[in-house]
Amino acid sequence: MGGILARIGGFLIVAAVVYLPAARLIVGHEDPKVFKSLAGAGVACLAVGAVLMIAGRGMATIVSRSCPRCGRRVARGRVYCEEHLQDTINEYRDQERGKGS
């Protein structure tokens, strides 16, 4: 979501900058309200997008490194702690044996 907002914000800022010469060329004058609205919305989207991207990365590092069963911290690249990893493997094997019968 943060990346999408950042892209929209960038697009709005570019649109605000392009609006100035385009309006002068087509209409003969530009409306400062339109420019300020486009630029303000672009800056707001960029700011919110940046905050969401930073918060999302921070939450991902906190949440993803804990065992889903007990909540203990696990090593990088692991999903379960050692105890629950073996339990999960055994449960999976039992389920697969039950399907074969």
N, C-alpha and C. Protein backbone atom coordinates (compact mmCIF):
# COMPACT_ATOMS: atom_id res chain seq x y z
N MET A 1 0.82 -1.19 0.00
CA MET A 1 0.00 0.00 0.00
C MET A 1 0.87 1.25 0.00
N GLY A 2 1.96 1.19 0.77
CA GLY A 2 2.85 2.34 0.82
C GLY A 2 3.48 2.64 -0.52
N GLY A 3 3.86 1.58 -1.25
CA GLY A 3 4.46 1.77 -2.57
C GLY A 3 3.49 2.38 -3.56
N ILE A 4 2.25 1.96 -3.48
CA ILE A 4 1.22 2.50 -4.38
C ILE A 4 1.00 3.98 -4.09
N LEU A 5 0.91 4.33 -2.80
CA LEU A 5 0.72 5.74 -2.45
C LEU A 5 1.92 6.59 -2.88
N ALA A 6 3.11 6.04 -2.75
CA ALA A 6 4.30 6.79 -3.18
C ALA A 6 4.27 7.02 -4.69
N ARG A 7 3.86 6.03 -5.45
CA ARG A 7 3.77 6.20 -6.91
C ARG A 7 2.71 7.22 -7.29
N ILE A 8 1.56 7.15 -6.62
CA ILE A 8 0.49 8.12 -6.89
C ILE A 8 0.97 9.53 -6.54
N GLY A 9 1.68 9.66 -5.40
CA GLY A 9 2.21 10.96 -5.00
C GLY A 9 3.19 11.51 -6.02
N GLY A 10 4.07 10.65 -6.51
CA GLY A 10 5.02 11.08 -7.54
C GLY A 10 4.31 11.50 -8.81
N PHE A 11 3.30 10.74 -9.19
CA PHE A 11 2.52 11.08 -10.39
C PHE A 11 1.83 12.43 -10.22
N LEU A 12 1.26 12.68 -9.04
CA LEU A 12 0.57 13.95 -8.81
C LEU A 12 1.54 15.13 -8.84
N ILE A 13 2.73 14.95 -8.31
CA ILE A 13 3.72 16.03 -8.34
C ILE A 13 4.15 16.31 -9.78
N VAL A 14 4.38 15.25 -10.54
CA VAL A 14 4.74 15.44 -11.96
C VAL A 14 3.58 16.12 -12.70
N ALA A 15 2.35 15.71 -12.40
CA ALA A 15 1.19 16.32 -13.05
C ALA A 15 1.09 17.81 -12.69
N ALA A 16 1.42 18.17 -11.46
CA ALA A 16 1.39 19.58 -11.05
C ALA A 16 2.43 20.39 -11.82
N VAL A 17 3.61 19.82 -11.99
CA VAL A 17 4.67 20.53 -12.71
C VAL A 17 4.34 20.65 -14.19
N VAL A 18 3.76 19.60 -14.77
CA VAL A 18 3.41 19.63 -16.18
C VAL A 18 2.20 20.54 -16.42
N TYR A 19 1.35 20.68 -15.41
CA TYR A 19 0.15 21.52 -15.54
C TYR A 19 0.51 22.97 -15.86
N LEU A 20 1.55 23.49 -15.23
CA LEU A 20 1.88 24.91 -15.41
C LEU A 20 2.13 25.28 -16.87
N PRO A 21 3.06 24.64 -17.57
CA PRO A 21 3.25 25.04 -18.97
C PRO A 21 2.10 24.60 -19.87
N ALA A 22 1.45 23.48 -19.55
CA ALA A 22 0.35 23.01 -20.38
C ALA A 22 -0.83 23.99 -20.31
N ALA A 23 -1.15 24.45 -19.12
CA ALA A 23 -2.26 25.39 -18.97
C ALA A 23 -1.94 26.72 -19.65
N ARG A 24 -0.72 27.17 -19.53
CA ARG A 24 -0.35 28.43 -20.18
C ARG A 24 -0.41 28.29 -21.70
N LEU A 25 -0.02 27.13 -22.21
CA LEU A 25 -0.03 26.90 -23.65
C LEU A 25 -1.46 26.77 -24.18
N ILE A 26 -2.30 26.05 -23.46
CA ILE A 26 -3.65 25.76 -23.95
C ILE A 26 -4.61 26.90 -23.65
N VAL A 27 -4.67 27.34 -22.39
CA VAL A 27 -5.66 28.35 -21.98
C VAL A 27 -5.08 29.76 -22.01
N GLY A 28 -3.80 29.88 -21.77
CA GLY A 28 -3.19 31.21 -21.75
C GLY A 28 -2.80 31.64 -20.35
N HIS A 29 -3.34 30.99 -19.33
CA HIS A 29 -2.95 31.29 -17.95
C HIS A 29 -3.20 30.04 -17.11
N GLU A 30 -2.51 29.97 -15.98
CA GLU A 30 -2.69 28.82 -15.10
C GLU A 30 -3.39 29.25 -13.81
N ASP A 31 -4.08 28.31 -13.20
CA ASP A 31 -4.79 28.57 -11.95
C ASP A 31 -3.91 28.08 -10.80
N PRO A 32 -3.48 28.96 -9.93
CA PRO A 32 -2.60 28.55 -8.82
C PRO A 32 -3.27 27.55 -7.87
N LYS A 33 -4.59 27.62 -7.76
CA LYS A 33 -5.29 26.67 -6.88
C LYS A 33 -5.13 25.24 -7.36
N VAL A 34 -5.21 25.04 -8.67
CA VAL A 34 -5.06 23.70 -9.23
C VAL A 34 -3.66 23.19 -8.97
N PHE A 35 -2.66 24.03 -9.21
CA PHE A 35 -1.27 23.63 -8.98
C PHE A 35 -1.04 23.26 -7.52
N LYS A 36 -1.52 24.11 -6.60
CA LYS A 36 -1.33 23.84 -5.17
C LYS A 36 -2.07 22.58 -4.74
N SER A 37 -3.24 22.36 -5.30
CA SER A 37 -4.00 21.15 -4.94
C SER A 37 -3.28 19.89 -5.41
N LEU A 38 -2.81 19.90 -6.65
CA LEU A 38 -2.10 18.73 -7.18
C LEU A 38 -0.80 18.49 -6.41
N ALA A 39 -0.04 19.55 -6.20
CA ALA A 39 1.24 19.41 -5.50
C ALA A 39 1.03 18.99 -4.05
N GLY A 40 0.05 19.57 -3.39
CA GLY A 40 -0.23 19.22 -1.99
C GLY A 40 -0.68 17.78 -1.84
N ALA A 41 -1.55 17.34 -2.73
CA ALA A 41 -1.99 15.95 -2.68
C ALA A 41 -0.84 15.00 -2.97
N GLY A 42 0.04 15.39 -3.88
CA GLY A 42 1.20 14.57 -4.19
C GLY A 42 2.15 14.44 -3.01
N VAL A 43 2.42 15.56 -2.35
CA VAL A 43 3.31 15.53 -1.19
C VAL A 43 2.68 14.71 -0.06
N ALA A 44 1.38 14.87 0.15
CA ALA A 44 0.70 14.11 1.20
C ALA A 44 0.76 12.61 0.91
N CYS A 45 0.52 12.22 -0.33
CA CYS A 45 0.59 10.80 -0.70
C CYS A 45 2.00 10.26 -0.53
N LEU A 46 3.00 11.03 -0.93
CA LEU A 46 4.38 10.60 -0.75
C LEU A 46 4.71 10.41 0.73
N ALA A 47 4.29 11.34 1.57
CA ALA A 47 4.58 11.26 3.00
C ALA A 47 3.90 10.05 3.63
N VAL A 48 2.63 9.86 3.35
CA VAL A 48 1.91 8.72 3.92
C VAL A 48 2.48 7.40 3.38
N GLY A 49 2.82 7.38 2.10
CA GLY A 49 3.42 6.18 1.52
C GLY A 49 4.75 5.84 2.16
N ALA A 50 5.58 6.85 2.41
CA ALA A 50 6.88 6.61 3.05
C ALA A 50 6.70 6.09 4.47
N VAL A 51 5.77 6.67 5.21
CA VAL A 51 5.51 6.21 6.58
C VAL A 51 5.01 4.76 6.57
N LEU A 52 4.11 4.44 5.66
CA LEU A 52 3.59 3.07 5.58
C LEU A 52 4.67 2.07 5.18
N MET A 53 5.55 2.45 4.27
CA MET A 53 6.62 1.54 3.87
C MET A 53 7.58 1.28 5.02
N ILE A 54 7.94 2.33 5.76
CA ILE A 54 8.84 2.17 6.90
C ILE A 54 8.17 1.34 7.99
N ALA A 55 6.92 1.64 8.28
CA ALA A 55 6.20 0.88 9.32
C ALA A 55 6.00 -0.57 8.90
N GLY A 56 5.73 -0.80 7.63
CA GLY A 56 5.53 -2.16 7.15
C GLY A 56 6.80 -3.00 7.25
N ARG A 57 7.92 -2.41 6.93
CA ARG A 57 9.18 -3.14 7.04
C ARG A 57 9.52 -3.41 8.50
N GLY A 58 9.26 -2.46 9.35
CA GLY A 58 9.52 -2.65 10.78
C GLY A 58 8.65 -3.75 11.36
N MET A 59 7.38 -3.75 11.01
CA MET A 59 6.47 -4.78 11.50
C MET A 59 6.83 -6.15 10.95
N ALA A 60 7.29 -6.20 9.72
CA ALA A 60 7.65 -7.49 9.12
C ALA A 60 8.83 -8.12 9.85
N THR A 61 9.80 -7.31 10.27
CA THR A 61 10.93 -7.87 10.98
C THR A 61 10.55 -8.32 12.38
N ILE A 62 9.62 -7.64 12.99
CA ILE A 62 9.20 -8.02 14.34
C ILE A 62 8.33 -9.26 14.30
N VAL A 63 7.36 -9.27 13.44
CA VAL A 63 6.36 -10.34 13.43
C VAL A 63 6.90 -11.62 12.81
N SER A 64 7.67 -11.55 11.78
CA SER A 64 8.04 -12.75 11.04
C SER A 64 9.06 -13.62 11.75
N ARG A 65 9.70 -13.16 12.77
CA ARG A 65 10.74 -13.95 13.40
C ARG A 65 10.28 -14.59 14.70
N SER A 66 9.05 -14.98 14.78
CA SER A 66 8.58 -15.67 15.97
C SER A 66 7.79 -16.91 15.56
N CYS A 67 7.88 -17.92 16.39
CA CYS A 67 7.18 -19.18 16.13
C CYS A 67 5.68 -18.94 16.20
N PRO A 68 4.91 -19.40 15.20
CA PRO A 68 3.47 -19.15 15.22
C PRO A 68 2.75 -19.94 16.31
N ARG A 69 3.38 -20.95 16.88
CA ARG A 69 2.74 -21.75 17.92
C ARG A 69 2.99 -21.22 19.32
N CYS A 70 4.24 -20.84 19.61
CA CYS A 70 4.55 -20.42 20.97
C CYS A 70 4.99 -18.96 21.07
N GLY A 71 5.34 -18.34 19.97
CA GLY A 71 5.72 -16.94 19.97
C GLY A 71 7.19 -16.69 20.30
N ARG A 72 7.96 -17.75 20.53
CA ARG A 72 9.38 -17.56 20.81
C ARG A 72 10.11 -17.08 19.56
N ARG A 73 11.19 -16.34 19.78
CA ARG A 73 11.99 -15.85 18.66
C ARG A 73 12.66 -17.03 17.97
N VAL A 74 12.77 -16.96 16.64
CA VAL A 74 13.41 -18.02 15.87
C VAL A 74 14.52 -17.40 15.03
N ALA A 75 15.42 -18.24 14.55
CA ALA A 75 16.54 -17.77 13.74
C ALA A 75 16.04 -17.25 12.39
N ARG A 76 16.85 -16.44 11.77
CA ARG A 76 16.51 -15.89 10.46
C ARG A 76 16.31 -17.03 9.45
N GLY A 77 15.23 -16.93 8.68
CA GLY A 77 14.93 -17.95 7.68
C GLY A 77 14.13 -19.11 8.22
N ARG A 78 13.88 -19.15 9.51
CA ARG A 78 13.10 -20.22 10.12
C ARG A 78 11.68 -19.75 10.36
N VAL A 79 10.75 -20.70 10.41
CA VAL A 79 9.36 -20.37 10.71
C VAL A 79 9.01 -20.82 12.12
N TYR A 80 9.41 -22.03 12.48
CA TYR A 80 9.10 -22.60 13.78
C TYR A 80 10.35 -22.69 14.65
N CYS A 81 10.16 -22.73 15.97
CA CYS A 81 11.27 -23.03 16.86
C CYS A 81 11.59 -24.52 16.71
N GLU A 82 12.73 -24.95 17.27
CA GLU A 82 13.17 -26.34 17.07
C GLU A 82 12.13 -27.33 17.56
N GLU A 83 11.53 -27.06 18.71
CA GLU A 83 10.55 -27.98 19.29
C GLU A 83 9.32 -28.13 18.39
N HIS A 84 8.79 -27.02 17.94
CA HIS A 84 7.56 -27.07 17.14
C HIS A 84 7.83 -27.45 15.69
N LEU A 85 9.04 -27.30 15.23
CA LEU A 85 9.37 -27.74 13.88
C LEU A 85 9.22 -29.25 13.78
N GLN A 86 9.76 -29.96 14.74
CA GLN A 86 9.65 -31.42 14.72
C GLN A 86 8.20 -31.85 14.90
N ASP A 87 7.45 -31.18 15.77
CA ASP A 87 6.03 -31.50 15.95
C ASP A 87 5.24 -31.30 14.67
N THR A 88 5.53 -30.23 13.96
CA THR A 88 4.83 -29.93 12.71
C THR A 88 5.15 -30.98 11.64
N ILE A 89 6.42 -31.37 11.57
CA ILE A 89 6.80 -32.41 10.60
C ILE A 89 6.09 -33.72 10.92
N ASN A 90 6.03 -34.09 12.19
CA ASN A 90 5.36 -35.33 12.58
C ASN A 90 3.86 -35.27 12.27
N GLU A 91 3.22 -34.13 12.53
CA GLU A 91 1.79 -33.99 12.22
C GLU A 91 1.55 -34.10 10.72
N TYR A 92 2.40 -33.51 9.93
CA TYR A 92 2.26 -33.58 8.48
C TYR A 92 2.41 -35.02 8.00
N ARG A 93 3.37 -35.74 8.54
CA ARG A 93 3.55 -37.13 8.15
C ARG A 93 2.32 -37.97 8.52
N ASP A 94 1.77 -37.71 9.70
CA ASP A 94 0.58 -38.45 10.12
C ASP A 94 -0.60 -38.17 9.19
N GLN A 95 -0.75 -36.91 8.77
CA GLN A 95 -1.83 -36.55 7.86
C GLN A 95 -1.65 -37.22 6.52
N GLU A 96 -0.42 -37.26 6.02
CA GLU A 96 -0.15 -37.90 4.73
C GLU A 96 -0.39 -39.40 4.79
N ARG A 97 -0.06 -40.02 5.89
CA ARG A 97 -0.32 -41.46 6.04
C ARG A 97 -1.83 -41.71 6.07
N GLY A 98 -2.57 -40.82 6.70
CA GLY A 98 -4.02 -40.98 6.77
C GLY A 98 -4.69 -40.82 5.41
N LYS A 99 -4.13 -40.03 4.55
CA LYS A 99 -4.70 -39.84 3.21
C LYS A 99 -4.48 -41.07 2.33
N GLY A 100 -3.37 -41.75 2.52
CA GLY A 100 -3.03 -42.89 1.70
C GLY A 100 -3.90 -44.12 1.98
N SER A 101 -4.49 -44.19 3.15
CA SER A 101 -5.29 -45.39 3.51
C SER A 101 -6.67 -45.35 2.95
